[in-house]
Structure formats: structure tokens, C-alpha cells
Amino acid sequence: RIVWLTPAMDRIWTEGADGRRRFLDRIAMSFEPNHAEAVLD
């Protein structure tokens, strides 16, 4: 299980919802690896 924080993520609270969804989906994937398949499907 790998979790990360990058400088680009510093702006997620002020930019569009797309970045926040990706941030949350990475967290969801860390709890449930099959989440990636559900997103792709």
C-alpha cells in the first residue's frame, strides 16, 4: 500500500473537482485495490 503527496496536490482545494476526485480515488484504491477496476469500467 503506497500513499503519496506531491506539490501539484497543494492546489487541489482551489482548483477543479477533477484533482480532488483523483486524490480521493487514490485513497479509495489504497483501502480497496479493486476500486481501480470499478473506475476504469
PDB file of all heavy atoms in Angstrom:
ATOM      1  N   ARG A   1       0.865  -1.172   0.000  1.00  0.00           N
ATOM      2  CA  ARG A   1       0.000   0.000   0.000  1.00  0.00           C
ATOM      3  C   ARG A   1       0.909   1.231   0.000  1.00  0.00           C
ATOM      4  O   ARG A   1       1.797   1.338   0.862  1.00  0.00           O
ATOM      5  CB  ARG A   1      -0.928   0.011   1.216  1.00  0.00           C
ATOM      6  CG  ARG A   1      -1.770  -1.263   1.364  1.00  0.00           C
ATOM      7  CD  ARG A   1      -2.718  -1.456   0.179  1.00  0.00           C
ATOM      8  NE  ARG A   1      -3.334  -2.778   0.164  1.00  0.00           N
ATOM      9  CZ  ARG A   1      -4.500  -3.075   0.726  1.00  0.00           C
ATOM     10  NH1 ARG A   1      -5.171  -2.139   1.370  1.00  0.00           N
ATOM     11  NH2 ARG A   1      -4.976  -4.287   0.646  1.00  0.00           N
ATOM     12  N   ILE A   2       0.697   2.109  -0.959  1.00  0.00           N
ATOM     13  CA  ILE A   2       1.558   3.272  -1.133  1.00  0.00           C
ATOM     14  C   ILE A   2       0.687   4.522  -1.247  1.00  0.00           C
ATOM     15  O   ILE A   2      -0.259   4.548  -2.035  1.00  0.00           O
ATOM     16  CB  ILE A   2       2.461   3.126  -2.371  1.00  0.00           C
ATOM     17  CG1 ILE A   2       3.306   1.848  -2.258  1.00  0.00           C
ATOM     18  CG2 ILE A   2       3.366   4.343  -2.534  1.00  0.00           C
ATOM     19  CD1 ILE A   2       4.172   1.563  -3.479  1.00  0.00           C
ATOM     20  N   VAL A   3       1.014   5.529  -0.452  1.00  0.00           N
ATOM     21  CA  VAL A   3       0.265   6.786  -0.415  1.00  0.00           C
ATOM     22  C   VAL A   3       1.235   7.908  -0.716  1.00  0.00           C
ATOM     23  O   VAL A   3       2.378   7.889  -0.228  1.00  0.00           O
ATOM     24  CB  VAL A   3      -0.383   6.990   0.970  1.00  0.00           C
ATOM     25  CG1 VAL A   3      -1.085   8.341   1.050  1.00  0.00           C
ATOM     26  CG2 VAL A   3      -1.363   5.857   1.268  1.00  0.00           C
ATOM     27  N   TRP A   4       0.809   8.903  -1.512  1.00  0.00           N
ATOM     28  CA  TRP A   4       1.751   9.978  -1.831  1.00  0.00           C
ATOM     29  C   TRP A   4       1.119  11.355  -1.783  1.00  0.00           C
ATOM     30  O   TRP A   4      -0.095  11.519  -1.851  1.00  0.00           O
ATOM     31  CB  TRP A   4       2.419   9.745  -3.167  1.00  0.00           C
ATOM     32  CG  TRP A   4       1.527   9.607  -4.371  1.00  0.00           C
ATOM     33  CD1 TRP A   4       0.845  10.578  -5.039  1.00  0.00           C
ATOM     34  CD2 TRP A   4       1.271   8.385  -5.087  1.00  0.00           C
ATOM     35  NE1 TRP A   4       0.196  10.070  -6.119  1.00  0.00           N
ATOM     36  CE2 TRP A   4       0.431   8.717  -6.176  1.00  0.00           C
ATOM     37  CE3 TRP A   4       1.683   7.062  -4.922  1.00  0.00           C
ATOM     38  CZ2 TRP A   4      -0.016   7.766  -7.088  1.00  0.00           C
ATOM     39  CZ3 TRP A   4       1.233   6.119  -5.836  1.00  0.00           C
ATOM     40  CH2 TRP A   4       0.402   6.468  -6.896  1.00  0.00           C
ATOM     41  N   LEU A   5       2.008  12.321  -1.654  1.00  0.00           N
ATOM     42  CA  LEU A   5       1.649  13.736  -1.671  1.00  0.00           C
ATOM     43  C   LEU A   5       2.688  14.456  -2.518  1.00  0.00           C
ATOM     44  O   LEU A   5       3.886  14.337  -2.265  1.00  0.00           O
ATOM     45  CB  LEU A   5       1.634  14.304  -0.254  1.00  0.00           C
ATOM     46  CG  LEU A   5       1.209  15.768  -0.095  1.00  0.00           C
ATOM     47  CD1 LEU A   5      -0.222  15.972  -0.559  1.00  0.00           C
ATOM     48  CD2 LEU A   5       1.340  16.196   1.365  1.00  0.00           C
ATOM     49  N   THR A   6       2.224  15.172  -3.545  1.00  0.00           N
ATOM     50  CA  THR A   6       3.123  15.890  -4.452  1.00  0.00           C
ATOM     51  C   THR A   6       2.819  17.379  -4.412  1.00  0.00           C
ATOM     52  O   THR A   6       1.722  17.784  -4.014  1.00  0.00           O
ATOM     53  CB  THR A   6       2.966  15.374  -5.893  1.00  0.00           C
ATOM     54  OG1 THR A   6       1.669  15.761  -6.389  1.00  0.00           O
ATOM     55  CG2 THR A   6       3.111  13.853  -5.961  1.00  0.00           C
ATOM     56  N   PRO A   7       3.759  18.220  -4.846  1.00  0.00           N
ATOM     57  CA  PRO A   7       3.488  19.668  -4.859  1.00  0.00           C
ATOM     58  C   PRO A   7       2.264  20.042  -5.680  1.00  0.00           C
ATOM     59  O   PRO A   7       1.550  20.992  -5.325  1.00  0.00           O
ATOM     60  CB  PRO A   7       4.772  20.242  -5.470  1.00  0.00           C
ATOM     61  CG  PRO A   7       5.841  19.271  -5.116  1.00  0.00           C
ATOM     62  CD  PRO A   7       5.170  17.923  -5.185  1.00  0.00           C
ATOM     63  N   ALA A   8       1.985  19.317  -6.758  1.00  0.00           N
ATOM     64  CA  ALA A   8       0.809  19.626  -7.577  1.00  0.00           C
ATOM     65  C   ALA A   8      -0.481  19.471  -6.783  1.00  0.00           C
ATOM     66  O   ALA A   8      -1.480  20.152  -7.054  1.00  0.00           O
ATOM     67  CB  ALA A   8       0.784  18.733  -8.809  1.00  0.00           C
ATOM     68  N   MET A   9      -0.462  18.597  -5.787  1.00  0.00           N
ATOM     69  CA  MET A   9      -1.656  18.365  -4.983  1.00  0.00           C
ATOM     70  C   MET A   9      -1.917  19.504  -4.000  1.00  0.00           C
ATOM     71  O   MET A   9      -3.019  19.587  -3.443  1.00  0.00           O
ATOM     72  CB  MET A   9      -1.530  17.023  -4.264  1.00  0.00           C
ATOM     73  CG  MET A   9      -1.537  15.833  -5.221  1.00  0.00           C
ATOM     74  SD  MET A   9      -0.897  14.292  -4.493  1.00  0.00           S
ATOM     75  CE  MET A   9      -2.124  13.979  -3.248  1.00  0.00           C
ATOM     76  N   ASP A  10      -0.935  20.369  -3.782  1.00  0.00           N
ATOM     77  CA  ASP A  10      -1.145  21.513  -2.891  1.00  0.00           C
ATOM     78  C   ASP A  10      -2.280  22.403  -3.374  1.00  0.00           C
ATOM     79  O   ASP A  10      -2.856  23.161  -2.586  1.00  0.00           O
ATOM     80  CB  ASP A  10       0.133  22.358  -2.785  1.00  0.00           C
ATOM     81  CG  ASP A  10       1.253  21.641  -2.047  1.00  0.00           C
ATOM     82  OD1 ASP A  10       0.996  20.566  -1.463  1.00  0.00           O
ATOM     83  OD2 ASP A  10       2.384  22.168  -2.052  1.00  0.00           O
ATOM     84  N   ARG A  11      -2.605  22.315  -4.664  1.00  0.00           N
ATOM     85  CA  ARG A  11      -3.610  23.216  -5.239  1.00  0.00           C
ATOM     86  C   ARG A  11      -4.993  22.577  -5.341  1.00  0.00           C
ATOM     87  O   ARG A  11      -5.906  23.198  -5.901  1.00  0.00           O
ATOM     88  CB  ARG A  11      -3.168  23.656  -6.643  1.00  0.00           C
ATOM     89  CG  ARG A  11      -1.834  24.380  -6.673  1.00  0.00           C
ATOM     90  CD  ARG A  11      -1.533  24.941  -8.058  1.00  0.00           C
ATOM     91  NE  ARG A  11      -1.379  23.899  -9.062  1.00  0.00           N
ATOM     92  CZ  ARG A  11      -0.238  23.277  -9.337  1.00  0.00           C
ATOM     93  NH1 ARG A  11       0.868  23.612  -8.681  1.00  0.00           N
ATOM     94  NH2 ARG A  11      -0.173  22.345 -10.275  1.00  0.00           N
ATOM     95  N   ILE A  12      -5.182  21.367  -4.813  1.00  0.00           N
ATOM     96  CA  ILE A  12      -6.444  20.682  -5.060  1.00  0.00           C
ATOM     97  C   ILE A  12      -7.638  21.391  -4.415  1.00  0.00           C
ATOM     98  O   ILE A  12      -8.767  21.247  -4.898  1.00  0.00           O
ATOM     99  CB  ILE A  12      -6.418  19.203  -4.624  1.00  0.00           C
ATOM    100  CG1 ILE A  12      -6.343  19.056  -3.106  1.00  0.00           C
ATOM    101  CG2 ILE A  12      -5.305  18.456  -5.289  1.00  0.00           C
ATOM    102  CD1 ILE A  12      -6.609  17.629  -2.656  1.00  0.00           C
ATOM    103  N   TRP A  13      -7.407  22.157  -3.350  1.00  0.00           N
ATOM    104  CA  TRP A  13      -8.536  22.825  -2.692  1.00  0.00           C
ATOM    105  C   TRP A  13      -8.988  24.070  -3.448  1.00  0.00           C
ATOM    106  O   TRP A  13     -10.079  24.589  -3.184  1.00  0.00           O
ATOM    107  CB  TRP A  13      -8.185  23.202  -1.260  1.00  0.00           C
ATOM    108  CG  TRP A  13      -7.685  22.074  -0.414  1.00  0.00           C
ATOM    109  CD1 TRP A  13      -6.534  22.032   0.307  1.00  0.00           C
ATOM    110  CD2 TRP A  13      -8.329  20.805  -0.186  1.00  0.00           C
ATOM    111  NE1 TRP A  13      -6.406  20.827   0.954  1.00  0.00           N
ATOM    112  CE2 TRP A  13      -7.487  20.064   0.673  1.00  0.00           C
ATOM    113  CE3 TRP A  13      -9.524  20.232  -0.627  1.00  0.00           C
ATOM    114  CZ2 TRP A  13      -7.812  18.780   1.103  1.00  0.00           C
ATOM    115  CZ3 TRP A  13      -9.845  18.947  -0.200  1.00  0.00           C
ATOM    116  CH2 TRP A  13      -8.999  18.228   0.649  1.00  0.00           C
ATOM    117  N   THR A  14      -8.160  24.571  -4.354  1.00  0.00           N
ATOM    118  CA  THR A  14      -8.505  25.804  -5.072  1.00  0.00           C
ATOM    119  C   THR A  14      -8.759  25.580  -6.557  1.00  0.00           C
ATOM    120  O   THR A  14      -9.237  26.491  -7.233  1.00  0.00           O
ATOM    121  CB  THR A  14      -7.382  26.854  -4.913  1.00  0.00           C
ATOM    122  OG1 THR A  14      -6.138  26.303  -5.373  1.00  0.00           O
ATOM    123  CG2 THR A  14      -7.236  27.259  -3.454  1.00  0.00           C
ATOM    124  N   GLU A  15      -8.444  24.401  -7.062  1.00  0.00           N
ATOM    125  CA  GLU A  15      -8.662  24.123  -8.481  1.00  0.00           C
ATOM    126  C   GLU A  15      -9.919  23.290  -8.669  1.00  0.00           C
ATOM    127  O   GLU A  15     -10.744  23.178  -7.772  1.00  0.00           O
ATOM    128  CB  GLU A  15      -7.421  23.449  -9.067  1.00  0.00           C
ATOM    129  CG  GLU A  15      -6.198  24.372  -9.048  1.00  0.00           C
ATOM    130  CD  GLU A  15      -5.009  23.815  -9.795  1.00  0.00           C
ATOM    131  OE1 GLU A  15      -4.946  22.582  -9.981  1.00  0.00           O
ATOM    132  OE2 GLU A  15      -4.150  24.612 -10.184  1.00  0.00           O
ATOM    133  N   GLY A  16     -10.089  22.711  -9.846  1.00  0.00           N
ATOM    134  CA  GLY A  16     -11.313  21.992 -10.175  1.00  0.00           C
ATOM    135  C   GLY A  16     -11.470  20.687  -9.417  1.00  0.00           C
ATOM    136  O   GLY A  16     -10.547  20.181  -8.779  1.00  0.00           O
ATOM    137  N   ALA A  17     -12.676  20.122  -9.516  1.00  0.00           N
ATOM    138  CA  ALA A  17     -13.017  18.911  -8.774  1.00  0.00           C
ATOM    139  C   ALA A  17     -12.255  17.686  -9.275  1.00  0.00           C
ATOM    140  O   ALA A  17     -12.119  16.707  -8.533  1.00  0.00           O
ATOM    141  CB  ALA A  17     -14.516  18.661  -8.863  1.00  0.00           C
ATOM    142  N   ASP A  18     -11.750  17.713 -10.498  1.00  0.00           N
ATOM    143  CA  ASP A  18     -11.073  16.552 -11.061  1.00  0.00           C
ATOM    144  C   ASP A  18      -9.897  16.103 -10.199  1.00  0.00           C
ATOM    145  O   ASP A  18      -9.730  14.906  -9.935  1.00  0.00           O
ATOM    146  CB  ASP A  18     -10.608  16.873 -12.484  1.00  0.00           C
ATOM    147  CG  ASP A  18     -10.023  15.659 -13.188  1.00  0.00           C
ATOM    148  OD1 ASP A  18     -10.727  14.648 -13.300  1.00  0.00           O
ATOM    149  OD2 ASP A  18      -8.850  15.716 -13.611  1.00  0.00           O
ATOM    150  N   GLY A  19      -9.092  17.055  -9.743  1.00  0.00           N
ATOM    151  CA  GLY A  19      -7.954  16.712  -8.900  1.00  0.00           C
ATOM    152  C   GLY A  19      -8.384  16.136  -7.565  1.00  0.00           C
ATOM    153  O   GLY A  19      -7.736  15.225  -7.029  1.00  0.00           O
ATOM    154  N   ARG A  20      -9.477  16.644  -7.006  1.00  0.00           N
ATOM    155  CA  ARG A  20      -9.953  16.114  -5.731  1.00  0.00           C
ATOM    156  C   ARG A  20     -10.494  14.694  -5.892  1.00  0.00           C
ATOM    157  O   ARG A  20     -10.328  13.854  -5.005  1.00  0.00           O
ATOM    158  CB  ARG A  20     -11.015  17.051  -5.139  1.00  0.00           C
ATOM    159  CG  ARG A  20     -10.444  18.380  -4.675  1.00  0.00           C
ATOM    160  CD  ARG A  20     -11.469  19.238  -3.965  1.00  0.00           C
ATOM    161  NE  ARG A  20     -12.463  19.811  -4.871  1.00  0.00           N
ATOM    162  CZ  ARG A  20     -12.287  20.933  -5.562  1.00  0.00           C
ATOM    163  NH1 ARG A  20     -11.141  21.582  -5.465  1.00  0.00           N
ATOM    164  NH2 ARG A  20     -13.247  21.412  -6.338  1.00  0.00           N
ATOM    165  N   ARG A  21     -11.154  14.440  -7.030  1.00  0.00           N
ATOM    166  CA  ARG A  21     -11.608  13.063  -7.280  1.00  0.00           C
ATOM    167  C   ARG A  21     -10.428  12.109  -7.401  1.00  0.00           C
ATOM    168  O   ARG A  21     -10.461  10.994  -6.864  1.00  0.00           O
ATOM    169  CB  ARG A  21     -12.459  13.000  -8.555  1.00  0.00           C
ATOM    170  CG  ARG A  21     -13.873  13.525  -8.391  1.00  0.00           C
ATOM    171  CD  ARG A  21     -14.742  13.140  -9.573  1.00  0.00           C
ATOM    172  NE  ARG A  21     -14.275  13.730 -10.823  1.00  0.00           N
ATOM    173  CZ  ARG A  21     -14.619  14.931 -11.269  1.00  0.00           C
ATOM    174  NH1 ARG A  21     -15.442  15.680 -10.565  1.00  0.00           N
ATOM    175  NH2 ARG A  21     -14.165  15.385 -12.421  1.00  0.00           N
ATOM    176  N   ARG A  22      -9.381  12.513  -8.119  1.00  0.00           N
ATOM    177  CA  ARG A  22      -8.200  11.638  -8.245  1.00  0.00           C
ATOM    178  C   ARG A  22      -7.564  11.384  -6.884  1.00  0.00           C
ATOM    179  O   ARG A  22      -7.142  10.264  -6.585  1.00  0.00           O
ATOM    180  CB  ARG A  22      -7.174  12.258  -9.198  1.00  0.00           C
ATOM    181  CG  ARG A  22      -7.549  12.162 -10.661  1.00  0.00           C
ATOM    182  CD  ARG A  22      -6.333  12.363 -11.554  1.00  0.00           C
ATOM    183  NE  ARG A  22      -5.708  13.656 -11.340  1.00  0.00           N
ATOM    184  CZ  ARG A  22      -6.024  14.754 -12.010  1.00  0.00           C
ATOM    185  NH1 ARG A  22      -6.963  14.720 -12.928  1.00  0.00           N
ATOM    186  NH2 ARG A  22      -5.399  15.884 -11.755  1.00  0.00           N
ATOM    187  N   PHE A  23      -7.478  12.442  -6.069  1.00  0.00           N
ATOM    188  CA  PHE A  23      -6.925  12.306  -4.720  1.00  0.00           C
ATOM    189  C   PHE A  23      -7.740  11.294  -3.912  1.00  0.00           C
ATOM    190  O   PHE A  23      -7.186  10.379  -3.282  1.00  0.00           O
ATOM    191  CB  PHE A  23      -6.926  13.682  -4.047  1.00  0.00           C
ATOM    192  CG  PHE A  23      -6.491  13.684  -2.615  1.00  0.00           C
ATOM    193  CD1 PHE A  23      -5.180  13.391  -2.268  1.00  0.00           C
ATOM    194  CD2 PHE A  23      -7.384  14.008  -1.610  1.00  0.00           C
ATOM    195  CE1 PHE A  23      -4.763  13.408  -0.942  1.00  0.00           C
ATOM    196  CE2 PHE A  23      -6.980  14.032  -0.277  1.00  0.00           C
ATOM    197  CZ  PHE A  23      -5.666  13.734   0.059  1.00  0.00           C
ATOM    198  N   LEU A  24      -9.062  11.430  -3.949  1.00  0.00           N
ATOM    199  CA  LEU A  24      -9.913  10.517  -3.196  1.00  0.00           C
ATOM    200  C   LEU A  24      -9.858   9.108  -3.773  1.00  0.00           C
ATOM    201  O   LEU A  24      -9.864   8.119  -3.024  1.00  0.00           O
ATOM    202  CB  LEU A  24     -11.351  11.037  -3.188  1.00  0.00           C
ATOM    203  CG  LEU A  24     -12.369  10.197  -2.414  1.00  0.00           C
ATOM    204  CD1 LEU A  24     -11.934  10.004  -0.962  1.00  0.00           C
ATOM    205  CD2 LEU A  24     -13.752  10.842  -2.473  1.00  0.00           C
ATOM    206  N   ASP A  25      -9.785   8.984  -5.095  1.00  0.00           N
ATOM    207  CA  ASP A  25      -9.726   7.652  -5.700  1.00  0.00           C
ATOM    208  C   ASP A  25      -8.433   6.929  -5.345  1.00  0.00           C
ATOM    209  O   ASP A  25      -8.428   5.701  -5.187  1.00  0.00           O
ATOM    210  CB  ASP A  25      -9.887   7.750  -7.224  1.00  0.00           C
ATOM    211  CG  ASP A  25     -11.330   7.956  -7.652  1.00  0.00           C
ATOM    212  OD1 ASP A  25     -12.236   7.614  -6.865  1.00  0.00           O
ATOM    213  OD2 ASP A  25     -11.555   8.474  -8.760  1.00  0.00           O
ATOM    214  N   ARG A  26      -7.319   7.662  -5.231  1.00  0.00           N
ATOM    215  CA  ARG A  26      -6.077   7.021  -4.790  1.00  0.00           C
ATOM    216  C   ARG A  26      -6.235   6.507  -3.352  1.00  0.00           C
ATOM    217  O   ARG A  26      -5.772   5.409  -3.017  1.00  0.00           O
ATOM    218  CB  ARG A  26      -4.909   8.013  -4.839  1.00  0.00           C
ATOM    219  CG  ARG A  26      -4.304   8.228  -6.201  1.00  0.00           C
ATOM    220  CD  ARG A  26      -3.711   6.995  -6.827  1.00  0.00           C
ATOM    221  NE  ARG A  26      -2.866   6.196  -5.952  1.00  0.00           N
ATOM    222  CZ  ARG A  26      -2.302   5.058  -6.307  1.00  0.00           C
ATOM    223  NH1 ARG A  26      -2.490   4.583  -7.511  1.00  0.00           N
ATOM    224  NH2 ARG A  26      -1.543   4.390  -5.473  1.00  0.00           N
ATOM    225  N   ILE A  27      -6.894   7.283  -2.512  1.00  0.00           N
ATOM    226  CA  ILE A  27      -7.139   6.835  -1.136  1.00  0.00           C
ATOM    227  C   ILE A  27      -8.045   5.612  -1.135  1.00  0.00           C
ATOM    228  O   ILE A  27      -7.794   4.624  -0.433  1.00  0.00           O
ATOM    229  CB  ILE A  27      -7.742   7.985  -0.307  1.00  0.00           C
ATOM    230  CG1 ILE A  27      -6.701   9.087  -0.098  1.00  0.00           C
ATOM    231  CG2 ILE A  27      -8.255   7.476   1.042  1.00  0.00           C
ATOM    232  CD1 ILE A  27      -7.235  10.339   0.564  1.00  0.00           C
ATOM    233  N   ALA A  28      -9.117   5.664  -1.946  1.00  0.00           N
ATOM    234  CA  ALA A  28     -10.026   4.519  -2.027  1.00  0.00           C
ATOM    235  C   ALA A  28      -9.299   3.276  -2.524  1.00  0.00           C
ATOM    236  O   ALA A  28      -9.534   2.159  -2.043  1.00  0.00           O
ATOM    237  CB  ALA A  28     -11.202   4.856  -2.939  1.00  0.00           C
ATOM    238  N   MET A  29      -8.392   3.454  -3.498  1.00  0.00           N
ATOM    239  CA  MET A  29      -7.625   2.327  -4.017  1.00  0.00           C
ATOM    240  C   MET A  29      -6.697   1.751  -2.952  1.00  0.00           C
ATOM    241  O   MET A  29      -6.433   0.542  -2.941  1.00  0.00           O
ATOM    242  CB  MET A  29      -6.817   2.761  -5.242  1.00  0.00           C
ATOM    243  CG  MET A  29      -6.302   1.613  -6.099  1.00  0.00           C
ATOM    244  SD  MET A  29      -5.186   2.168  -7.414  1.00  0.00           S
ATOM    245  CE  MET A  29      -6.194   3.435  -8.190  1.00  0.00           C
ATOM    246  N   SER A  30      -6.197   2.613  -2.066  1.00  0.00           N
ATOM    247  CA  SER A  30      -5.319   2.106  -1.008  1.00  0.00           C
ATOM    248  C   SER A  30      -6.087   1.203  -0.046  1.00  0.00           C
ATOM    249  O   SER A  30      -5.534   0.244   0.487  1.00  0.00           O
ATOM    250  CB  SER A  30      -4.673   3.274  -0.251  1.00  0.00           C
ATOM    251  OG  SER A  30      -5.592   3.926   0.614  1.00  0.00           O
ATOM    252  N   PHE A  31      -7.369   1.496   0.174  1.00  0.00           N
ATOM    253  CA  PHE A  31      -8.200   0.643   1.023  1.00  0.00           C
ATOM    254  C   PHE A  31      -8.729  -0.569   0.264  1.00  0.00           C
ATOM    255  O   PHE A  31      -8.823  -1.665   0.817  1.00  0.00           O
ATOM    256  CB  PHE A  31      -9.394   1.439   1.573  1.00  0.00           C
ATOM    257  CG  PHE A  31      -9.028   2.485   2.590  1.00  0.00           C
ATOM    258  CD1 PHE A  31      -9.399   3.805   2.407  1.00  0.00           C
ATOM    259  CD2 PHE A  31      -8.319   2.152   3.729  1.00  0.00           C
ATOM    260  CE1 PHE A  31      -9.079   4.774   3.336  1.00  0.00           C
ATOM    261  CE2 PHE A  31      -7.985   3.117   4.672  1.00  0.00           C
ATOM    262  CZ  PHE A  31      -8.362   4.434   4.471  1.00  0.00           C
ATOM    263  N   GLU A  32      -9.107  -0.369  -0.989  1.00  0.00           N
ATOM    264  CA  GLU A  32      -9.731  -1.407  -1.802  1.00  0.00           C
ATOM    265  C   GLU A  32      -9.081  -1.406  -3.183  1.00  0.00           C
ATOM    266  O   GLU A  32      -9.464  -0.631  -4.058  1.00  0.00           O
ATOM    267  CB  GLU A  32     -11.236  -1.152  -1.916  1.00  0.00           C
ATOM    268  CG  GLU A  32     -11.977  -2.114  -2.818  1.00  0.00           C
ATOM    269  CD  GLU A  32     -11.670  -3.571  -2.526  1.00  0.00           C
ATOM    270  OE1 GLU A  32     -12.084  -4.056  -1.458  1.00  0.00           O
ATOM    271  OE2 GLU A  32     -10.989  -4.209  -3.361  1.00  0.00           O
ATOM    272  N   PRO A  33      -8.055  -2.272  -3.407  1.00  0.00           N
ATOM    273  CA  PRO A  33      -7.348  -2.263  -4.695  1.00  0.00           C
ATOM    274  C   PRO A  33      -8.264  -2.420  -5.907  1.00  0.00           C
ATOM    275  O   PRO A  33      -7.965  -1.897  -6.982  1.00  0.00           O
ATOM    276  CB  PRO A  33      -6.374  -3.439  -4.563  1.00  0.00           C
ATOM    277  CG  PRO A  33      -6.121  -3.556  -3.089  1.00  0.00           C
ATOM    278  CD  PRO A  33      -7.435  -3.206  -2.448  1.00  0.00           C
ATOM    279  N   ASN A  34      -9.396  -3.125  -5.760  1.00  0.00           N
ATOM    280  CA  ASN A  34     -10.305  -3.319  -6.888  1.00  0.00           C
ATOM    281  C   ASN A  34     -11.048  -2.039  -7.265  1.00  0.00           C
ATOM    282  O   ASN A  34     -11.773  -2.025  -8.279  1.00  0.00           O
ATOM    283  CB  ASN A  34     -11.314  -4.425  -6.568  1.00  0.00           C
ATOM    284  CG  ASN A  34     -10.670  -5.801  -6.543  1.00  0.00           C
ATOM    285  OD1 ASN A  34      -9.692  -6.049  -7.248  1.00  0.00           O
ATOM    286  ND2 ASN A  34     -11.185  -6.687  -5.723  1.00  0.00           N
ATOM    287  N   HIS A  35     -10.895  -0.988  -6.482  1.00  0.00           N
ATOM    288  CA  HIS A  35     -11.532   0.290  -6.829  1.00  0.00           C
ATOM    289  C   HIS A  35     -11.052   0.778  -8.195  1.00  0.00           C
ATOM    290  O   HIS A  35     -11.837   1.376  -8.949  1.00  0.00           O
ATOM    291  CB  HIS A  35     -11.219   1.340  -5.756  1.00  0.00           C
ATOM    292  CG  HIS A  35     -11.816   2.683  -6.029  1.00  0.00           C
ATOM    293  ND1 HIS A  35     -13.168   2.936  -5.960  1.00  0.00           N
ATOM    294  CD2 HIS A  35     -11.243   3.865  -6.384  1.00  0.00           C
ATOM    295  CE1 HIS A  35     -13.400   4.195  -6.252  1.00  0.00           C
ATOM    296  NE2 HIS A  35     -12.261   4.782  -6.523  1.00  0.00           N
ATOM    297  N   ALA A  36      -9.798   0.530  -8.515  1.00  0.00           N
ATOM    298  CA  ALA A  36      -9.265   0.967  -9.811  1.00  0.00           C
ATOM    299  C   ALA A  36     -10.050   0.347 -10.959  1.00  0.00           C
ATOM    300  O   ALA A  36     -10.350   1.016 -11.954  1.00  0.00           O
ATOM    301  CB  ALA A  36      -7.786   0.605  -9.923  1.00  0.00           C
ATOM    302  N   GLU A  37     -10.405  -0.934 -10.845  1.00  0.00           N
ATOM    303  CA  GLU A  37     -11.157  -1.600 -11.904  1.00  0.00           C
ATOM    304  C   GLU A  37     -12.556  -1.004 -12.034  1.00  0.00           C
ATOM    305  O   GLU A  37     -13.069  -0.826 -13.146  1.00  0.00           O
ATOM    306  CB  GLU A  37     -11.235  -3.095 -11.617  1.00  0.00           C
ATOM    307  CG  GLU A  37      -9.880  -3.798 -11.702  1.00  0.00           C
ATOM    308  CD  GLU A  37      -9.991  -5.290 -11.462  1.00  0.00           C
ATOM    309  OE1 GLU A  37     -11.120  -5.771 -11.184  1.00  0.00           O
ATOM    310  OE2 GLU A  37      -8.963  -5.973 -11.560  1.00  0.00           O
ATOM    311  N   ALA A  38     -13.185  -0.671 -10.896  1.00  0.00           N
ATOM    312  CA  ALA A  38     -14.521  -0.073 -10.952  1.00  0.00           C
ATOM    313  C   ALA A  38     -14.479   1.277 -11.656  1.00  0.00           C
ATOM    314  O   ALA A  38     -15.345   1.593 -12.477  1.00  0.00           O
ATOM    315  CB  ALA A  38     -15.084   0.077  -9.538  1.00  0.00           C
ATOM    316  N   VAL A  39     -13.442   2.087 -11.350  1.00  0.00           N
ATOM    317  CA  VAL A  39     -13.306   3.387 -12.006  1.00  0.00           C
ATOM    318  C   VAL A  39     -13.092   3.211 -13.508  1.00  0.00           C
ATOM    319  O   VAL A  39     -13.726   3.899 -14.326  1.00  0.00           O
ATOM    320  CB  VAL A  39     -12.146   4.185 -11.380  1.00  0.00           C
ATOM    321  CG1 VAL A  39     -11.850   5.443 -12.195  1.00  0.00           C
ATOM    322  CG2 VAL A  39     -12.472   4.560  -9.944  1.00  0.00           C
ATOM    323  N   LEU A  40     -12.215   2.288 -13.876  1.00  0.00           N
ATOM    324  CA  LEU A  40     -11.941   2.059 -15.297  1.00  0.00           C
ATOM    325  C   LEU A  40     -13.176   1.550 -16.026  1.00  0.00           C
ATOM    326  O   LEU A  40     -13.461   1.962 -17.157  1.00  0.00           O
ATOM    327  CB  LEU A  40     -10.781   1.075 -15.455  1.00  0.00           C
ATOM    328  CG  LEU A  40      -9.401   1.597 -15.067  1.00  0.00           C
ATOM    329  CD1 LEU A  40      -8.376   0.467 -15.117  1.00  0.00           C
ATOM    330  CD2 LEU A  40      -8.973   2.727 -15.976  1.00  0.00           C
ATOM    331  N   ASP A  41     -13.931   0.633 -15.401  1.00  0.00           N
ATOM    332  CA  ASP A  41     -15.143   0.112 -16.031  1.00  0.00           C
ATOM    333  C   ASP A  41     -16.163   1.220 -16.245  1.00  0.00           C
ATOM    334  O   ASP A  41     -16.811   1.298 -17.302  1.00  0.00           O
ATOM    335  CB  ASP A  41     -15.751  -1.000 -15.174  1.00  0.00           C
ATOM    336  CG  ASP A  41     -14.931  -2.281 -15.196  1.00  0.00           C
ATOM    337  OD1 ASP A  41     -14.055  -2.410 -16.072  1.00  0.00           O
ATOM    338  OD2 ASP A  41     -15.167  -3.145 -14.326  1.00  0.00           O
TER     339      ASP A  41
END
